[in-house]
Amino acid sequence: HDRAAEAALRPLLSLTGAIVTRTFRAVEVDGWDGHERVL
């Protein structure tokens, strides 16, 4: 809930999207467990 911080996060979001594409087969469901812990 801060526009400047959101804008700073955009490049990181792009990079992590690339990581998901490259890691999908290796982590599949396990990666979602990491997100669940953050949540």
PDB file of all heavy atoms in Angstrom:
ATOM      1  N   HIS A   1       0.823  -1.214   0.000  1.00  0.00           N
ATOM      2  CA  HIS A   1       0.000   0.000   0.000  1.00  0.00           C
ATOM      3  C   HIS A   1       0.858   1.265   0.000  1.00  0.00           C
ATOM      4  O   HIS A   1       0.639   2.195   0.773  1.00  0.00           O
ATOM      5  CB  HIS A   1      -1.008  -0.003   1.157  1.00  0.00           C
ATOM      6  CG  HIS A   1      -2.019  -1.084   1.005  1.00  0.00           C
ATOM      7  ND1 HIS A   1      -3.095  -0.978   0.153  1.00  0.00           N
ATOM      8  CD2 HIS A   1      -2.085  -2.327   1.561  1.00  0.00           C
ATOM      9  CE1 HIS A   1      -3.804  -2.102   0.199  1.00  0.00           C
ATOM     10  NE2 HIS A   1      -3.203  -2.940   1.048  1.00  0.00           N
ATOM     11  N   ASP A   2       1.841   1.256  -0.896  1.00  0.00           N
ATOM     12  CA  ASP A   2       2.720   2.406  -1.096  1.00  0.00           C
ATOM     13  C   ASP A   2       3.170   2.362  -2.551  1.00  0.00           C
ATOM     14  O   ASP A   2       3.872   1.438  -2.953  1.00  0.00           O
ATOM     15  CB  ASP A   2       3.919   2.311  -0.147  1.00  0.00           C
ATOM     16  CG  ASP A   2       4.883   3.471  -0.311  1.00  0.00           C
ATOM     17  OD1 ASP A   2       5.508   3.581  -1.396  1.00  0.00           O
ATOM     18  OD2 ASP A   2       5.021   4.251   0.639  1.00  0.00           O
ATOM     19  N   ARG A   3       2.758   3.352  -3.321  1.00  0.00           N
ATOM     20  CA  ARG A   3       3.032   3.339  -4.763  1.00  0.00           C
ATOM     21  C   ARG A   3       4.522   3.288  -5.088  1.00  0.00           C
ATOM     22  O   ARG A   3       4.934   2.587  -6.004  1.00  0.00           O
ATOM     23  CB  ARG A   3       2.384   4.536  -5.445  1.00  0.00           C
ATOM     24  CG  ARG A   3       0.879   4.422  -5.500  1.00  0.00           C
ATOM     25  CD  ARG A   3       0.316   5.521  -6.394  1.00  0.00           C
ATOM     26  NE  ARG A   3      -1.115   5.546  -6.329  1.00  0.00           N
ATOM     27  CZ  ARG A   3      -1.906   4.859  -7.155  1.00  0.00           C
ATOM     28  NH1 ARG A   3      -1.379   4.114  -8.092  1.00  0.00           N
ATOM     29  NH2 ARG A   3      -3.213   4.927  -7.044  1.00  0.00           N
ATOM     30  N   ALA A   4       5.331   4.007  -4.357  1.00  0.00           N
ATOM     31  CA  ALA A   4       6.773   4.004  -4.632  1.00  0.00           C
ATOM     32  C   ALA A   4       7.358   2.614  -4.370  1.00  0.00           C
ATOM     33  O   ALA A   4       8.159   2.107  -5.160  1.00  0.00           O
ATOM     34  CB  ALA A   4       7.480   5.048  -3.783  1.00  0.00           C
ATOM     35  N   ALA A   5       6.952   1.987  -3.278  1.00  0.00           N
ATOM     36  CA  ALA A   5       7.449   0.642  -2.966  1.00  0.00           C
ATOM     37  C   ALA A   5       6.956  -0.362  -3.998  1.00  0.00           C
ATOM     38  O   ALA A   5       7.704  -1.248  -4.419  1.00  0.00           O
ATOM     39  CB  ALA A   5       7.007   0.228  -1.569  1.00  0.00           C
ATOM     40  N   GLU A   6       5.700  -0.228  -4.406  1.00  0.00           N
ATOM     41  CA  GLU A   6       5.171  -1.122  -5.448  1.00  0.00           C
ATOM     42  C   GLU A   6       5.987  -0.975  -6.724  1.00  0.00           C
ATOM     43  O   GLU A   6       6.338  -1.975  -7.360  1.00  0.00           O
ATOM     44  CB  GLU A   6       3.703  -0.806  -5.738  1.00  0.00           C
ATOM     45  CG  GLU A   6       2.742  -1.257  -4.665  1.00  0.00           C
ATOM     46  CD  GLU A   6       1.307  -0.901  -5.002  1.00  0.00           C
ATOM     47  OE1 GLU A   6       0.886  -1.102  -6.162  1.00  0.00           O
ATOM     48  OE2 GLU A   6       0.596  -0.420  -4.098  1.00  0.00           O
ATOM     49  N   ALA A   7       6.305   0.254  -7.111  1.00  0.00           N
ATOM     50  CA  ALA A   7       7.089   0.483  -8.324  1.00  0.00           C
ATOM     51  C   ALA A   7       8.480  -0.126  -8.197  1.00  0.00           C
ATOM     52  O   ALA A   7       9.015  -0.685  -9.163  1.00  0.00           O
ATOM     53  CB  ALA A   7       7.195   1.983  -8.609  1.00  0.00           C
ATOM     54  N   ALA A   8       9.061  -0.052  -7.024  1.00  0.00           N
ATOM     55  CA  ALA A   8      10.386  -0.634  -6.810  1.00  0.00           C
ATOM     56  C   ALA A   8      10.348  -2.163  -6.900  1.00  0.00           C
ATOM     57  O   ALA A   8      11.340  -2.792  -7.269  1.00  0.00           O
ATOM     58  CB  ALA A   8      10.931  -0.203  -5.450  1.00  0.00           C
ATOM     59  N   LEU A   9       9.219  -2.742  -6.580  1.00  0.00           N
ATOM     60  CA  LEU A   9       9.081  -4.201  -6.625  1.00  0.00           C
ATOM     61  C   LEU A   9       8.879  -4.743  -8.040  1.00  0.00           C
ATOM     62  O   LEU A   9       9.115  -5.921  -8.279  1.00  0.00           O
ATOM     63  CB  LEU A   9       7.902  -4.647  -5.753  1.00  0.00           C
ATOM     64  CG  LEU A   9       8.112  -4.560  -4.253  1.00  0.00           C
ATOM     65  CD1 LEU A   9       6.791  -4.812  -3.522  1.00  0.00           C
ATOM     66  CD2 LEU A   9       9.161  -5.557  -3.802  1.00  0.00           C
ATOM     67  N   ARG A  10       8.445  -3.918  -8.972  1.00  0.00           N
ATOM     68  CA  ARG A  10       8.120  -4.410 -10.323  1.00  0.00           C
ATOM     69  C   ARG A  10       9.266  -5.168 -10.985  1.00  0.00           C
ATOM     70  O   ARG A  10       9.036  -6.247 -11.539  1.00  0.00           O
ATOM     71  CB  ARG A  10       7.654  -3.269 -11.221  1.00  0.00           C
ATOM     72  CG  ARG A  10       6.387  -2.607 -10.782  1.00  0.00           C
ATOM     73  CD  ARG A  10       5.179  -3.520 -10.853  1.00  0.00           C
ATOM     74  NE  ARG A  10       4.048  -2.835 -10.224  1.00  0.00           N
ATOM     75  CZ  ARG A  10       3.223  -3.394  -9.382  1.00  0.00           C
ATOM     76  NH1 ARG A  10       3.347  -4.659  -9.079  1.00  0.00           N
ATOM     77  NH2 ARG A  10       2.236  -2.714  -8.850  1.00  0.00           N
ATOM     78  N   PRO A  11      10.512  -4.669 -10.968  1.00  0.00           N
ATOM     79  CA  PRO A  11      11.595  -5.442 -11.607  1.00  0.00           C
ATOM     80  C   PRO A  11      11.788  -6.815 -10.950  1.00  0.00           C
ATOM     81  O   PRO A  11      12.041  -7.801 -11.630  1.00  0.00           O
ATOM     82  CB  PRO A  11      12.834  -4.561 -11.423  1.00  0.00           C
ATOM     83  CG  PRO A  11      12.292  -3.189 -11.235  1.00  0.00           C
ATOM     84  CD  PRO A  11      10.976  -3.364 -10.517  1.00  0.00           C
ATOM     85  N   LEU A  12      11.655  -6.863  -9.627  1.00  0.00           N
ATOM     86  CA  LEU A  12      11.780  -8.142  -8.925  1.00  0.00           C
ATOM     87  C   LEU A  12      10.674  -9.095  -9.371  1.00  0.00           C
ATOM     88  O   LEU A  12      10.919 -10.286  -9.567  1.00  0.00           O
ATOM     89  CB  LEU A  12      11.714  -7.932  -7.412  1.00  0.00           C
ATOM     90  CG  LEU A  12      11.742  -9.195  -6.564  1.00  0.00           C
ATOM     91  CD1 LEU A  12      13.043  -9.969  -6.782  1.00  0.00           C
ATOM     92  CD2 LEU A  12      11.558  -8.853  -5.101  1.00  0.00           C
ATOM     93  N   LEU A  13       9.476  -8.583  -9.565  1.00  0.00           N
ATOM     94  CA  LEU A  13       8.370  -9.424 -10.005  1.00  0.00           C
ATOM     95  C   LEU A  13       8.668 -10.047 -11.363  1.00  0.00           C
ATOM     96  O   LEU A  13       8.388 -11.224 -11.588  1.00  0.00           O
ATOM     97  CB  LEU A  13       7.064  -8.621 -10.066  1.00  0.00           C
ATOM     98  CG  LEU A  13       6.594  -7.996  -8.760  1.00  0.00           C
ATOM     99  CD1 LEU A  13       5.289  -7.241  -8.977  1.00  0.00           C
ATOM    100  CD2 LEU A  13       6.436  -9.029  -7.670  1.00  0.00           C
ATOM    101  N   SER A  14       9.254  -9.265 -12.251  1.00  0.00           N
ATOM    102  CA  SER A  14       9.610  -9.791 -13.569  1.00  0.00           C
ATOM    103  C   SER A  14      10.655 -10.893 -13.463  1.00  0.00           C
ATOM    104  O   SER A  14      10.556 -11.929 -14.125  1.00  0.00           O
ATOM    105  CB  SER A  14      10.140  -8.675 -14.464  1.00  0.00           C
ATOM    106  OG  SER A  14       9.139  -7.727 -14.696  1.00  0.00           O
ATOM    107  N   LEU A  15      11.650 -10.675 -12.637  1.00  0.00           N
ATOM    108  CA  LEU A  15      12.701 -11.681 -12.469  1.00  0.00           C
ATOM    109  C   LEU A  15      12.160 -12.967 -11.858  1.00  0.00           C
ATOM    110  O   LEU A  15      12.529 -14.062 -12.278  1.00  0.00           O
ATOM    111  CB  LEU A  15      13.825 -11.131 -11.595  1.00  0.00           C
ATOM    112  CG  LEU A  15      14.682 -10.041 -12.204  1.00  0.00           C
ATOM    113  CD1 LEU A  15      15.640  -9.479 -11.169  1.00  0.00           C
ATOM    114  CD2 LEU A  15      15.439 -10.572 -13.406  1.00  0.00           C
ATOM    115  N   THR A  16      11.294 -12.846 -10.874  1.00  0.00           N
ATOM    116  CA  THR A  16      10.769 -14.052 -10.246  1.00  0.00           C
ATOM    117  C   THR A  16       9.849 -14.801 -11.205  1.00  0.00           C
ATOM    118  O   THR A  16       9.766 -16.019 -11.144  1.00  0.00           O
ATOM    119  CB  THR A  16      10.055 -13.755  -8.919  1.00  0.00           C
ATOM    120  OG1 THR A  16       9.011 -12.822  -9.154  1.00  0.00           O
ATOM    121  CG2 THR A  16      11.017 -13.220  -7.886  1.00  0.00           C
ATOM    122  N   GLY A  17       9.183 -14.072 -12.095  1.00  0.00           N
ATOM    123  CA  GLY A  17       8.378 -14.745 -13.112  1.00  0.00           C
ATOM    124  C   GLY A  17       9.242 -15.625 -13.994  1.00  0.00           C
ATOM    125  O   GLY A  17       8.872 -16.744 -14.344  1.00  0.00           O
ATOM    126  N   ALA A  18      10.426 -15.137 -14.326  1.00  0.00           N
ATOM    127  CA  ALA A  18      11.368 -15.930 -15.121  1.00  0.00           C
ATOM    128  C   ALA A  18      11.835 -17.152 -14.344  1.00  0.00           C
ATOM    129  O   ALA A  18      11.989 -18.241 -14.904  1.00  0.00           O
ATOM    130  CB  ALA A  18      12.554 -15.072 -15.541  1.00  0.00           C
ATOM    131  N   ILE A  19      12.036 -16.981 -13.045  1.00  0.00           N
ATOM    132  CA  ILE A  19      12.454 -18.110 -12.210  1.00  0.00           C
ATOM    133  C   ILE A  19      11.367 -19.174 -12.182  1.00  0.00           C
ATOM    134  O   ILE A  19      11.651 -20.365 -12.298  1.00  0.00           O
ATOM    135  CB  ILE A  19      12.819 -17.638 -10.789  1.00  0.00           C
ATOM    136  CG1 ILE A  19      14.099 -16.803 -10.821  1.00  0.00           C
ATOM    137  CG2 ILE A  19      12.979 -18.833  -9.850  1.00  0.00           C
ATOM    138  CD1 ILE A  19      14.420 -16.102  -9.517  1.00  0.00           C
ATOM    139  N   VAL A  20      10.111 -18.759 -12.042  1.00  0.00           N
ATOM    140  CA  VAL A  20       9.007 -19.730 -12.023  1.00  0.00           C
ATOM    141  C   VAL A  20       8.986 -20.533 -13.309  1.00  0.00           C
ATOM    142  O   VAL A  20       8.819 -21.750 -13.295  1.00  0.00           O
ATOM    143  CB  VAL A  20       7.642 -19.028 -11.813  1.00  0.00           C
ATOM    144  CG1 VAL A  20       6.492 -19.977 -12.062  1.00  0.00           C
ATOM    145  CG2 VAL A  20       7.562 -18.471 -10.413  1.00  0.00           C
ATOM    146  N   THR A  21       9.164 -19.863 -14.412  1.00  0.00           N
ATOM    147  CA  THR A  21       9.161 -20.549 -15.701  1.00  0.00           C
ATOM    148  C   THR A  21      10.264 -21.611 -15.758  1.00  0.00           C
ATOM    149  O   THR A  21      10.044 -22.718 -16.235  1.00  0.00           O
ATOM    150  CB  THR A  21       9.356 -19.530 -16.850  1.00  0.00           C
ATOM    151  OG1 THR A  21       8.317 -18.557 -16.765  1.00  0.00           O
ATOM    152  CG2 THR A  21       9.309 -20.209 -18.193  1.00  0.00           C
ATOM    153  N   ARG A  22      11.429 -21.294 -15.211  1.00  0.00           N
ATOM    154  CA  ARG A  22      12.568 -22.220 -15.262  1.00  0.00           C
ATOM    155  C   ARG A  22      12.502 -23.311 -14.208  1.00  0.00           C
ATOM    156  O   ARG A  22      13.132 -24.346 -14.355  1.00  0.00           O
ATOM    157  CB  ARG A  22      13.879 -21.439 -15.092  1.00  0.00           C
ATOM    158  CG  ARG A  22      14.042 -20.400 -16.175  1.00  0.00           C
ATOM    159  CD  ARG A  22      15.336 -20.291 -16.871  1.00  0.00           C
ATOM    160  NE  ARG A  22      16.317 -21.301 -16.700  1.00  0.00           N
ATOM    161  CZ  ARG A  22      17.581 -21.061 -16.428  1.00  0.00           C
ATOM    162  NH1 ARG A  22      17.986 -19.831 -16.225  1.00  0.00           N
ATOM    163  NH2 ARG A  22      18.446 -22.034 -16.340  1.00  0.00           N
ATOM    164  N   THR A  23      11.776 -23.080 -13.118  1.00  0.00           N
ATOM    165  CA  THR A  23      11.774 -24.048 -12.012  1.00  0.00           C
ATOM    166  C   THR A  23      10.497 -24.866 -11.926  1.00  0.00           C
ATOM    167  O   THR A  23      10.390 -25.740 -11.072  1.00  0.00           O
ATOM    168  CB  THR A  23      11.973 -23.337 -10.660  1.00  0.00           C
ATOM    169  OG1 THR A  23      10.901 -22.421 -10.434  1.00  0.00           O
ATOM    170  CG2 THR A  23      13.311 -22.634 -10.604  1.00  0.00           C
ATOM    171  N   PHE A  24       9.535 -24.610 -12.769  1.00  0.00           N
ATOM    172  CA  PHE A  24       8.221 -25.235 -12.611  1.00  0.00           C
ATOM    173  C   PHE A  24       8.310 -26.748 -12.445  1.00  0.00           C
ATOM    174  O   PHE A  24       7.745 -27.317 -11.523  1.00  0.00           O
ATOM    175  CB  PHE A  24       7.293 -24.900 -13.787  1.00  0.00           C
ATOM    176  CG  PHE A  24       5.968 -25.586 -13.657  1.00  0.00           C
ATOM    177  CD1 PHE A  24       5.006 -25.068 -12.818  1.00  0.00           C
ATOM    178  CD2 PHE A  24       5.693 -26.760 -14.338  1.00  0.00           C
ATOM    179  CE1 PHE A  24       3.793 -25.707 -12.653  1.00  0.00           C
ATOM    180  CE2 PHE A  24       4.481 -27.404 -14.184  1.00  0.00           C
ATOM    181  CZ  PHE A  24       3.521 -26.865 -13.346  1.00  0.00           C
ATOM    182  N   ARG A  25       8.990 -27.406 -13.316  1.00  0.00           N
ATOM    183  CA  ARG A  25       9.064 -28.877 -13.259  1.00  0.00           C
ATOM    184  C   ARG A  25       9.801 -29.372 -12.019  1.00  0.00           C
ATOM    185  O   ARG A  25       9.490 -30.418 -11.486  1.00  0.00           O
ATOM    186  CB  ARG A  25       9.720 -29.441 -14.510  1.00  0.00           C
ATOM    187  CG  ARG A  25       8.908 -29.195 -15.750  1.00  0.00           C
ATOM    188  CD  ARG A  25       7.692 -30.091 -15.782  1.00  0.00           C
ATOM    189  NE  ARG A  25       6.916 -29.792 -16.968  1.00  0.00           N
ATOM    190  CZ  ARG A  25       5.601 -29.815 -17.009  1.00  0.00           C
ATOM    191  NH1 ARG A  25       4.914 -30.117 -15.942  1.00  0.00           N
ATOM    192  NH2 ARG A  25       4.968 -29.543 -18.111  1.00  0.00           N
ATOM    193  N   ALA A  26      10.783 -28.612 -11.567  1.00  0.00           N
ATOM    194  CA  ALA A  26      11.594 -29.052 -10.431  1.00  0.00           C
ATOM    195  C   ALA A  26      10.870 -28.878  -9.100  1.00  0.00           C
ATOM    196  O   ALA A  26      11.039 -29.685  -8.198  1.00  0.00           O
ATOM    197  CB  ALA A  26      12.911 -28.288 -10.405  1.00  0.00           C
ATOM    198  N   VAL A  27      10.068 -27.828  -8.961  1.00  0.00           N
ATOM    199  CA  VAL A  27       9.465 -27.555  -7.658  1.00  0.00           C
ATOM    200  C   VAL A  27       7.971 -27.802  -7.610  1.00  0.00           C
ATOM    201  O   VAL A  27       7.442 -28.130  -6.560  1.00  0.00           O
ATOM    202  CB  VAL A  27       9.779 -26.117  -7.175  1.00  0.00           C
ATOM    203  CG1 VAL A  27      11.250 -25.931  -6.981  1.00  0.00           C
ATOM    204  CG2 VAL A  27       9.221 -25.087  -8.106  1.00  0.00           C
ATOM    205  N   GLU A  28       7.308 -27.626  -8.715  1.00  0.00           N
ATOM    206  CA  GLU A  28       5.863 -27.785  -8.817  1.00  0.00           C
ATOM    207  C   GLU A  28       5.146 -27.355  -7.550  1.00  0.00           C
ATOM    208  O   GLU A  28       5.132 -26.190  -7.204  1.00  0.00           O
ATOM    209  CB  GLU A  28       5.520 -29.213  -9.229  1.00  0.00           C
ATOM    210  CG  GLU A  28       5.989 -29.517 -10.636  1.00  0.00           C
ATOM    211  CD  GLU A  28       5.535 -30.853 -11.148  1.00  0.00           C
ATOM    212  OE1 GLU A  28       4.536 -31.381 -10.648  1.00  0.00           O
ATOM    213  OE2 GLU A  28       6.189 -31.372 -12.055  1.00  0.00           O
ATOM    214  N   VAL A  29       4.554 -28.270  -6.829  1.00  0.00           N
ATOM    215  CA  VAL A  29       3.718 -27.933  -5.684  1.00  0.00           C
ATOM    216  C   VAL A  29       4.547 -27.393  -4.518  1.00  0.00           C
ATOM    217  O   VAL A  29       4.092 -26.529  -3.773  1.00  0.00           O
ATOM    218  CB  VAL A  29       2.879 -29.161  -5.252  1.00  0.00           C
ATOM    219  CG1 VAL A  29       2.069 -28.855  -4.018  1.00  0.00           C
ATOM    220  CG2 VAL A  29       1.961 -29.593  -6.393  1.00  0.00           C
ATOM    221  N   ASP A  30       5.783 -27.838  -4.354  1.00  0.00           N
ATOM    222  CA  ASP A  30       6.601 -27.401  -3.220  1.00  0.00           C
ATOM    223  C   ASP A  30       6.786 -25.892  -3.175  1.00  0.00           C
ATOM    224  O   ASP A  30       6.835 -25.303  -2.091  1.00  0.00           O
ATOM    225  CB  ASP A  30       7.976 -28.076  -3.253  1.00  0.00           C
ATOM    226  CG  ASP A  30       7.893 -29.567  -3.029  1.00  0.00           C
ATOM    227  OD1 ASP A  30       6.888 -30.016  -2.436  1.00  0.00           O
ATOM    228  OD2 ASP A  30       8.818 -30.275  -3.449  1.00  0.00           O
ATOM    229  N   GLY A  31       6.888 -25.260  -4.305  1.00  0.00           N
ATOM    230  CA  GLY A  31       7.047 -23.808  -4.338  1.00  0.00           C
ATOM    231  C   GLY A  31       5.859 -23.089  -3.733  1.00  0.00           C
ATOM    232  O   GLY A  31       6.004 -22.052  -3.085  1.00  0.00           O
ATOM    233  N   TRP A  32       4.688 -23.649  -3.922  1.00  0.00           N
ATOM    234  CA  TRP A  32       3.482 -23.044  -3.360  1.00  0.00           C
ATOM    235  C   TRP A  32       3.482 -23.141  -1.836  1.00  0.00           C
ATOM    236  O   TRP A  32       2.933 -22.276  -1.163  1.00  0.00           O
ATOM    237  CB  TRP A  32       2.232 -23.671  -3.961  1.00  0.00           C
ATOM    238  CG  TRP A  32       2.153 -23.378  -5.426  1.00  0.00           C
ATOM    239  CD1 TRP A  32       2.372 -24.254  -6.445  1.00  0.00           C
ATOM    240  CD2 TRP A  32       1.884 -22.117  -6.041  1.00  0.00           C
ATOM    241  NE1 TRP A  32       2.264 -23.604  -7.650  1.00  0.00           N
ATOM    242  CE2 TRP A  32       1.956 -22.302  -7.432  1.00  0.00           C
ATOM    243  CE3 TRP A  32       1.592 -20.851  -5.547  1.00  0.00           C
ATOM    244  CZ2 TRP A  32       1.744 -21.257  -8.332  1.00  0.00           C
ATOM    245  CZ3 TRP A  32       1.385 -19.816  -6.437  1.00  0.00           C
ATOM    246  CH2 TRP A  32       1.463 -20.028  -7.826  1.00  0.00           C
ATOM    247  N   ASP A  33       4.127 -24.176  -1.296  1.00  0.00           N
ATOM    248  CA  ASP A  33       4.240 -24.288   0.160  1.00  0.00           C
ATOM    249  C   ASP A  33       5.019 -23.107   0.726  1.00  0.00           C
ATOM    250  O   ASP A  33       4.667 -22.577   1.783  1.00  0.00           O
ATOM    251  CB  ASP A  33       4.921 -25.602   0.557  1.00  0.00           C
ATOM    252  CG  ASP A  33       4.074 -26.826   0.264  1.00  0.00           C
ATOM    253  OD1 ASP A  33       2.844 -26.686   0.063  1.00  0.00           O
ATOM    254  OD2 ASP A  33       4.644 -27.928   0.235  1.00  0.00           O
ATOM    255  N   GLY A  34       6.050 -22.680   0.021  1.00  0.00           N
ATOM    256  CA  GLY A  34       6.819 -21.509   0.447  1.00  0.00           C
ATOM    257  C   GLY A  34       5.961 -20.263   0.475  1.00  0.00           C
ATOM    258  O   GLY A  34       6.024 -19.464   1.413  1.00  0.00           O
ATOM    259  N   HIS A  35       5.135 -20.090  -0.539  1.00  0.00           N
ATOM    260  CA  HIS A  35       4.225 -18.944  -0.572  1.00  0.00           C
ATOM    261  C   HIS A  35       3.205 -19.023   0.554  1.00  0.00           C
ATOM    262  O   HIS A  35       2.850 -18.005   1.148  1.00  0.00           O
ATOM    263  CB  HIS A  35       3.521 -18.860  -1.924  1.00  0.00           C
ATOM    264  CG  HIS A  35       4.430 -18.457  -3.039  1.00  0.00           C
ATOM    265  ND1 HIS A  35       5.092 -17.265  -3.071  1.00  0.00           N
ATOM    266  CD2 HIS A  35       4.801 -19.115  -4.160  1.00  0.00           C
ATOM    267  CE1 HIS A  35       5.817 -17.183  -4.169  1.00  0.00           C
ATOM    268  NE2 HIS A  35       5.665 -18.307  -4.838  1.00  0.00           N
ATOM    269  N   GLU A  36       2.737 -20.214   0.838  1.00  0.00           N
ATOM    270  CA  GLU A  36       1.761 -20.402   1.915  1.00  0.00           C
ATOM    271  C   GLU A  36       2.375 -20.000   3.264  1.00  0.00           C
ATOM    272  O   GLU A  36       1.715 -19.360   4.089  1.00  0.00           O
ATOM    273  CB  GLU A  36       1.304 -21.857   1.959  1.00  0.00           C
ATOM    274  CG  GLU A  36       0.124 -22.095   2.870  1.00  0.00           C
ATOM    275  CD  GLU A  36      -1.185 -21.571   2.334  1.00  0.00           C
ATOM    276  OE1 GLU A  36      -1.489 -21.816   1.145  1.00  0.00           O
ATOM    277  OE2 GLU A  36      -1.913 -20.903   3.100  1.00  0.00           O
ATOM    278  N   ARG A  37       3.631 -20.345   3.477  1.00  0.00           N
ATOM    279  CA  ARG A  37       4.303 -19.959   4.725  1.00  0.00           C
ATOM    280  C   ARG A  37       4.426 -18.436   4.833  1.00  0.00           C
ATOM    281  O   ARG A  37       4.230 -17.862   5.907  1.00  0.00           O
ATOM    282  CB  ARG A  37       5.671 -20.637   4.829  1.00  0.00           C
ATOM    283  CG  ARG A  37       5.573 -22.125   5.146  1.00  0.00           C
ATOM    284  CD  ARG A  37       6.930 -22.745   5.434  1.00  0.00           C
ATOM    285  NE  ARG A  37       7.794 -22.838   4.266  1.00  0.00           N
ATOM    286  CZ  ARG A  37       7.747 -23.831   3.380  1.00  0.00           C
ATOM    287  NH1 ARG A  37       6.881 -24.824   3.513  1.00  0.00           N
ATOM    288  NH2 ARG A  37       8.574 -23.842   2.353  1.00  0.00           N
ATOM    289  N   VAL A  38       4.739 -17.780   3.720  1.00  0.00           N
ATOM    290  CA  VAL A  38       4.808 -16.314   3.728  1.00  0.00           C
ATOM    291  C   VAL A  38       3.435 -15.742   4.055  1.00  0.00           C
ATOM    292  O   VAL A  38       3.310 -14.826   4.883  1.00  0.00           O
ATOM    293  CB  VAL A  38       5.320 -15.762   2.373  1.00  0.00           C
ATOM    294  CG1 VAL A  38       5.190 -14.240   2.321  1.00  0.00           C
ATOM    295  CG2 VAL A  38       6.761 -16.189   2.127  1.00  0.00           C
ATOM    296  N   LEU A  39       2.410 -16.276   3.429  1.00  0.00           N
ATOM    297  CA  LEU A  39       1.046 -15.804   3.696  1.00  0.00           C
ATOM    298  C   LEU A  39       0.693 -15.979   5.171  1.00  0.00           C
ATOM    299  O   LEU A  39       0.095 -15.085   5.784  1.00  0.00           O
ATOM    300  CB  LEU A  39       0.043 -16.539   2.803  1.00  0.00           C
ATOM    301  CG  LEU A  39      -1.432 -16.171   2.991  1.00  0.00           C
ATOM    302  CD1 LEU A  39      -1.670 -14.680   2.795  1.00  0.00           C
ATOM    303  CD2 LEU A  39      -2.292 -16.995   2.038  1.00  0.00           C
TER     304      LEU A  39
END
